[in-house]
């Protein structure tokens, strides 16, 4: 008896050629019994979920970048629209910007207003501009690092136990 089982069944008349082709097709389609289809579908779903997560993260970063640029443009516009003239002053006004001590030259009037706190400084790139306190608050709401507020005025009356109460600081002292 030579030949394969399918040839023998075909000769015996138990199956026809169409049935044999159908069985061979099913056999090729599912070599691993359908396990590969389930694993492939699961891997595809996992890959699609990972891609969706990466896309969401990328969109979030783009959104933050767009908001940061819009915020910077709004601050720049606020400063440029509301800046006050420093004048051609000769009096230095020293202030701290973060951990750095900076200096601008202003007139006597502007120096007095900066000391009192009726004017503030706003950083616009490498330079500093004078702005009113209400504008400074708007800028501070968007980016606190761009506004340099004058130090709060200290109380005029010295404490009772202050050993230096008898020594007054001169008004014209500039540090």
C-alpha atoms as a PDB file:
ATOM      1  CA  UNK A   1       0.000   0.000   0.000  1.00  0.00           C
ATOM      2  CA  UNK A   2       1.784   3.061  -1.268  1.00  0.00           C
ATOM      3  CA  UNK A   3       0.627   6.634  -0.963  1.00  0.00           C
ATOM      4  CA  UNK A   4      -0.583   8.953   1.665  1.00  0.00           C
ATOM      5  CA  UNK A   5      -3.726   8.621   3.708  1.00  0.00           C
ATOM      6  CA  UNK A   6      -5.533  11.253   1.646  1.00  0.00           C
ATOM      7  CA  UNK A   7      -4.765   9.361  -1.574  1.00  0.00           C
ATOM      8  CA  UNK A   8      -6.084   6.152  -0.045  1.00  0.00           C
ATOM      9  CA  UNK A   9      -9.283   7.850   1.179  1.00  0.00           C
ATOM     10  CA  UNK A  10      -9.760   9.432  -2.239  1.00  0.00           C
ATOM     11  CA  UNK A  11      -9.365   6.033  -4.005  1.00  0.00           C
ATOM     12  CA  UNK A  12     -11.769   4.412  -1.595  1.00  0.00           C
ATOM     13  CA  UNK A  13     -14.307   7.140  -2.396  1.00  0.00           C
ATOM     14  CA  UNK A  14     -14.759   8.192   1.160  1.00  0.00           C
ATOM     15  CA  UNK A  15     -13.768  11.841   0.405  1.00  0.00           C
ATOM     16  CA  UNK A  16     -13.686  14.000  -2.697  1.00  0.00           C
ATOM     17  CA  UNK A  17     -11.048  16.515  -3.927  1.00  0.00           C
ATOM     18  CA  UNK A  18     -13.011  19.492  -2.651  1.00  0.00           C
ATOM     19  CA  UNK A  19     -13.022  18.155   0.908  1.00  0.00           C
ATOM     20  CA  UNK A  20      -9.275  17.469   0.738  1.00  0.00           C
ATOM     21  CA  UNK A  21      -8.565  21.045  -0.427  1.00  0.00           C
ATOM     22  CA  UNK A  22     -10.715  22.439   2.349  1.00  0.00           C
ATOM     23  CA  UNK A  23      -8.844  20.456   5.005  1.00  0.00           C
ATOM     24  CA  UNK A  24      -5.446  21.495   3.600  1.00  0.00           C
ATOM     25  CA  UNK A  25      -6.524  25.126   3.586  1.00  0.00           C
ATOM     26  CA  UNK A  26      -7.633  24.936   7.236  1.00  0.00           C
ATOM     27  CA  UNK A  27      -4.371  23.219   8.116  1.00  0.00           C
ATOM     28  CA  UNK A  28      -2.268  25.996   6.506  1.00  0.00           C
ATOM     29  CA  UNK A  29      -4.436  28.707   8.015  1.00  0.00           C
ATOM     30  CA  UNK A  30      -4.061  27.420  11.533  1.00  0.00           C
ATOM     31  CA  UNK A  31      -0.691  25.676  11.954  1.00  0.00           C
ATOM     32  CA  UNK A  32      -0.684  26.250  15.708  1.00  0.00           C
ATOM     33  CA  UNK A  33      -4.354  25.531  16.273  1.00  0.00           C
ATOM     34  CA  UNK A  34      -5.424  29.185  16.539  1.00  0.00           C
ATOM     35  CA  UNK A  35      -3.070  30.074  19.386  1.00  0.00           C
ATOM     36  CA  UNK A  36      -0.997  32.391  17.186  1.00  0.00           C
ATOM     37  CA  UNK A  37      -4.059  34.372  16.144  1.00  0.00           C
ATOM     38  CA  UNK A  38      -4.965  35.117  19.775  1.00  0.00           C
ATOM     39  CA  UNK A  39      -1.392  36.058  20.725  1.00  0.00           C
ATOM     40  CA  UNK A  40      -1.035  38.233  17.621  1.00  0.00           C
ATOM     41  CA  UNK A  41      -4.289  40.017  18.351  1.00  0.00           C
ATOM     42  CA  UNK A  42      -3.220  40.610  21.952  1.00  0.00           C
ATOM     43  CA  UNK A  43       0.165  41.948  20.829  1.00  0.00           C
ATOM     44  CA  UNK A  44      -1.532  44.222  18.305  1.00  0.00           C
ATOM     45  CA  UNK A  45      -3.890  45.565  20.984  1.00  0.00           C
ATOM     46  CA  UNK A  46      -0.958  46.152  23.341  1.00  0.00           C
ATOM     47  CA  UNK A  47       1.056  47.943  20.649  1.00  0.00           C
ATOM     48  CA  UNK A  48      -1.940  50.100  19.776  1.00  0.00           C
ATOM     49  CA  UNK A  49      -2.451  51.034  23.444  1.00  0.00           C
ATOM     50  CA  UNK A  50       1.254  51.932  23.825  1.00  0.00           C
ATOM     51  CA  UNK A  51       1.122  54.054  20.670  1.00  0.00           C
ATOM     52  CA  UNK A  52      -1.981  55.842  21.950  1.00  0.00           C
ATOM     53  CA  UNK A  53      -0.204  56.551  25.270  1.00  0.00           C
ATOM     54  CA  UNK A  54       2.884  57.916  23.476  1.00  0.00           C
ATOM     55  CA  UNK A  55       0.644  60.091  21.310  1.00  0.00           C
ATOM     56  CA  UNK A  56      -1.178  61.453  24.365  1.00  0.00           C
ATOM     57  CA  UNK A  57       2.144  62.271  26.069  1.00  0.00           C
ATOM     58  CA  UNK A  58       3.461  63.978  22.932  1.00  0.00           C
ATOM     59  CA  UNK A  59       0.248  66.010  22.593  1.00  0.00           C
ATOM     60  CA  UNK A  60       0.449  67.021  26.258  1.00  0.00           C
ATOM     61  CA  UNK A  61       4.051  68.220  25.817  1.00  0.00           C
ATOM     62  CA  UNK A  62       3.099  70.158  22.686  1.00  0.00           C
ATOM     63  CA  UNK A  63       0.175  71.745  24.528  1.00  0.00           C
ATOM     64  CA  UNK A  64       2.420  72.776  27.432  1.00  0.00           C
ATOM     65  CA  UNK A  65       4.971  74.225  25.006  1.00  0.00           C
ATOM     66  CA  UNK A  66       2.251  76.194  23.204  1.00  0.00           C
ATOM     67  CA  UNK A  67       0.900  77.519  26.524  1.00  0.00           C
ATOM     68  CA  UNK A  68       4.401  78.485  27.680  1.00  0.00           C
ATOM     69  CA  UNK A  69       5.043  80.402  24.446  1.00  0.00           C
ATOM     70  CA  UNK A  70       1.664  82.157  24.651  1.00  0.00           C
ATOM     71  CA  UNK A  71       2.346  83.058  28.288  1.00  0.00           C
ATOM     72  CA  UNK A  72       5.778  84.488  27.413  1.00  0.00           C
ATOM     73  CA  UNK A  73       4.263  86.528  24.569  1.00  0.00           C
ATOM     74  CA  UNK A  74       1.544  87.889  26.880  1.00  0.00           C
ATOM     75  CA  UNK A  75       4.132  88.887  29.488  1.00  0.00           C
ATOM     76  CA  UNK A  76       6.284  90.587  26.863  1.00  0.00           C
ATOM     77  CA  UNK A  77       3.271  92.484  25.565  1.00  0.00           C
ATOM     78  CA  UNK A  78       2.272  93.557  29.102  1.00  0.00           C
ATOM     79  CA  UNK A  79       5.759  94.852  29.859  1.00  0.00           C
ATOM     80  CA  UNK A  80       6.205  96.661  26.553  1.00  0.00           C
ATOM     81  CA  UNK A  81       2.766  98.271  26.716  1.00  0.00           C
ATOM     82  CA  UNK A  82       3.087  99.427  30.336  1.00  0.00           C
ATOM     83  CA  UNK A  83       6.765 100.208  30.816  1.00  0.00           C
ATOM     84  CA  UNK A  84       7.695 103.569  32.251  1.00  0.00           C
ATOM     85  CA  UNK A  85      10.600 105.749  31.191  1.00  0.00           C
ATOM     86  CA  UNK A  86      13.653 105.371  33.450  1.00  0.00           C
ATOM     87  CA  UNK A  87      15.059 108.645  32.266  1.00  0.00           C
ATOM     88  CA  UNK A  88      18.737 109.431  31.941  1.00  0.00           C
ATOM     89  CA  UNK A  89      19.442 108.910  35.588  1.00  0.00           C
ATOM     90  CA  UNK A  90      22.744 108.898  37.353  1.00  0.00           C
ATOM     91  CA  UNK A  91      21.637 107.342  40.624  1.00  0.00           C
ATOM     92  CA  UNK A  92      22.208 103.582  40.839  1.00  0.00           C
ATOM     93  CA  UNK A  93      19.412 101.408  42.175  1.00  0.00           C
ATOM     94  CA  UNK A  94      20.679  98.003  43.328  1.00  0.00           C
ATOM     95  CA  UNK A  95      18.343  95.039  43.572  1.00  0.00           C
ATOM     96  CA  UNK A  96      18.493  91.273  43.692  1.00  0.00           C
ATOM     97  CA  UNK A  97      17.236  89.135  40.849  1.00  0.00           C
ATOM     98  CA  UNK A  98      17.224  85.625  42.201  1.00  0.00           C
ATOM     99  CA  UNK A  99      20.738  85.149  43.582  1.00  0.00           C
ATOM    100  CA  UNK A 100      22.258  87.899  41.437  1.00  0.00           C
ATOM    101  CA  UNK A 101      22.679  91.541  42.421  1.00  0.00           C
ATOM    102  CA  UNK A 102      21.880  93.890  39.556  1.00  0.00           C
ATOM    103  CA  UNK A 103      21.954  97.652  39.100  1.00  0.00           C
ATOM    104  CA  UNK A 104      20.071 100.149  36.984  1.00  0.00           C
ATOM    105  CA  UNK A 105      20.584 103.897  36.803  1.00  0.00           C
ATOM    106  CA  UNK A 106      17.508 106.022  37.442  1.00  0.00           C
ATOM    107  CA  UNK A 107      16.546 109.550  38.358  1.00  0.00           C
ATOM    108  CA  UNK A 108      16.090 110.702  41.946  1.00  0.00           C
ATOM    109  CA  UNK A 109      12.265 110.624  41.666  1.00  0.00           C
ATOM    110  CA  UNK A 110      12.174 107.095  40.278  1.00  0.00           C
ATOM    111  CA  UNK A 111      14.679 105.909  42.898  1.00  0.00           C
ATOM    112  CA  UNK A 112      12.422 107.255  45.634  1.00  0.00           C
ATOM    113  CA  UNK A 113       9.387 105.526  44.091  1.00  0.00           C
ATOM    114  CA  UNK A 114      11.277 102.225  43.831  1.00  0.00           C
ATOM    115  CA  UNK A 115      12.325 102.477  47.467  1.00  0.00           C
ATOM    116  CA  UNK A 116       8.733 103.244  48.565  1.00  0.00           C
ATOM    117  CA  UNK A 117       7.351 100.390  46.465  1.00  0.00           C
ATOM    118  CA  UNK A 118       5.181 102.518  44.184  1.00  0.00           C
ATOM    119  CA  UNK A 119       7.154 101.192  41.183  1.00  0.00           C
ATOM    120  CA  UNK A 120       8.379  97.687  40.377  1.00  0.00           C
ATOM    121  CA  UNK A 121      10.875  96.140  37.988  1.00  0.00           C
ATOM    122  CA  UNK A 122      10.075  93.517  35.376  1.00  0.00           C
ATOM    123  CA  UNK A 123      12.662  91.486  33.493  1.00  0.00           C
ATOM    124  CA  UNK A 124      12.334  91.614  29.722  1.00  0.00           C
ATOM    125  CA  UNK A 125      15.117  89.507  28.285  1.00  0.00           C
ATOM    126  CA  UNK A 126      18.475  90.818  29.516  1.00  0.00           C
ATOM    127  CA  UNK A 127      17.141  94.232  30.586  1.00  0.00           C
ATOM    128  CA  UNK A 128      14.811  95.518  33.276  1.00  0.00           C
ATOM    129  CA  UNK A 129      11.807  97.786  32.788  1.00  0.00           C
ATOM    130  CA  UNK A 130       9.862  99.898  35.265  1.00  0.00           C
ATOM    131  CA  UNK A 131       6.177  99.032  35.684  1.00  0.00           C
ATOM    132  CA  UNK A 132       3.389  99.970  38.057  1.00  0.00           C
ATOM    133  CA  UNK A 133       2.561  97.526  40.885  1.00  0.00           C
ATOM    134  CA  UNK A 134      -0.809  96.545  39.356  1.00  0.00           C
ATOM    135  CA  UNK A 135       0.925  95.534  36.109  1.00  0.00           C
ATOM    136  CA  UNK A 136       3.601  93.732  38.128  1.00  0.00           C
ATOM    137  CA  UNK A 137       0.890  91.674  39.832  1.00  0.00           C
ATOM    138  CA  UNK A 138      -0.548  90.650  36.441  1.00  0.00           C
ATOM    139  CA  UNK A 139       2.911  89.593  35.314  1.00  0.00           C
ATOM    140  CA  UNK A 140       3.567  87.803  38.587  1.00  0.00           C
ATOM    141  CA  UNK A 141       0.348  85.807  38.149  1.00  0.00           C
ATOM    142  CA  UNK A 142       1.747  84.423  34.892  1.00  0.00           C
ATOM    143  CA  UNK A 143       5.447  84.061  35.842  1.00  0.00           C
ATOM    144  CA  UNK A 144       6.692  85.097  39.299  1.00  0.00           C
ATOM    145  CA  UNK A 145      10.352  84.963  38.258  1.00  0.00           C
ATOM    146  CA  UNK A 146       9.955  87.878  35.840  1.00  0.00           C
ATOM    147  CA  UNK A 147       8.988  90.479  38.470  1.00  0.00           C
ATOM    148  CA  UNK A 148      11.338  92.082  40.958  1.00  0.00           C
ATOM    149  CA  UNK A 149       9.291  93.566  43.754  1.00  0.00           C
ATOM    150  CA  UNK A 150      10.937  96.025  46.114  1.00  0.00           C
ATOM    151  CA  UNK A 151      11.414  94.747  49.637  1.00  0.00           C
ATOM    152  CA  UNK A 152       8.517  95.392  51.962  1.00  0.00           C
ATOM    153  CA  UNK A 153       8.841  98.589  53.939  1.00  0.00           C
ATOM    154  CA  UNK A 154       9.991  97.929  57.455  1.00  0.00           C
ATOM    155  CA  UNK A 155       8.097  99.439  60.345  1.00  0.00           C
ATOM    156  CA  UNK A 156       9.232 102.956  61.243  1.00  0.00           C
ATOM    157  CA  UNK A 157       9.068 102.422  64.995  1.00  0.00           C
ATOM    158  CA  UNK A 158      11.938 100.343  66.356  1.00  0.00           C
ATOM    159  CA  UNK A 159      11.324  97.515  68.765  1.00  0.00           C
ATOM    160  CA  UNK A 160      11.593  98.260  72.476  1.00  0.00           C
ATOM    161  CA  UNK A 161      14.572  95.976  73.014  1.00  0.00           C
ATOM    162  CA  UNK A 162      16.473  97.052  69.874  1.00  0.00           C
ATOM    163  CA  UNK A 163      20.055  97.974  70.902  1.00  0.00           C
ATOM    164  CA  UNK A 164      20.430 100.178  67.791  1.00  0.00           C
ATOM    165  CA  UNK A 165      17.231 102.156  68.319  1.00  0.00           C
ATOM    166  CA  UNK A 166      19.216 105.317  69.030  1.00  0.00           C
ATOM    167  CA  UNK A 167      21.071 105.057  65.712  1.00  0.00           C
ATOM    168  CA  UNK A 168      18.896 106.090  62.786  1.00  0.00           C
ATOM    169  CA  UNK A 169      19.711 105.139  59.193  1.00  0.00           C
ATOM    170  CA  UNK A 170      20.198 108.214  57.009  1.00  0.00           C
ATOM    171  CA  UNK A 171      17.600 108.781  54.275  1.00  0.00           C
ATOM    172  CA  UNK A 172      20.195 109.309  51.569  1.00  0.00           C
ATOM    173  CA  UNK A 173      22.003 106.005  52.244  1.00  0.00           C
ATOM    174  CA  UNK A 174      22.249 103.969  49.052  1.00  0.00           C
ATOM    175  CA  UNK A 175      23.539 100.458  49.327  1.00  0.00           C
END
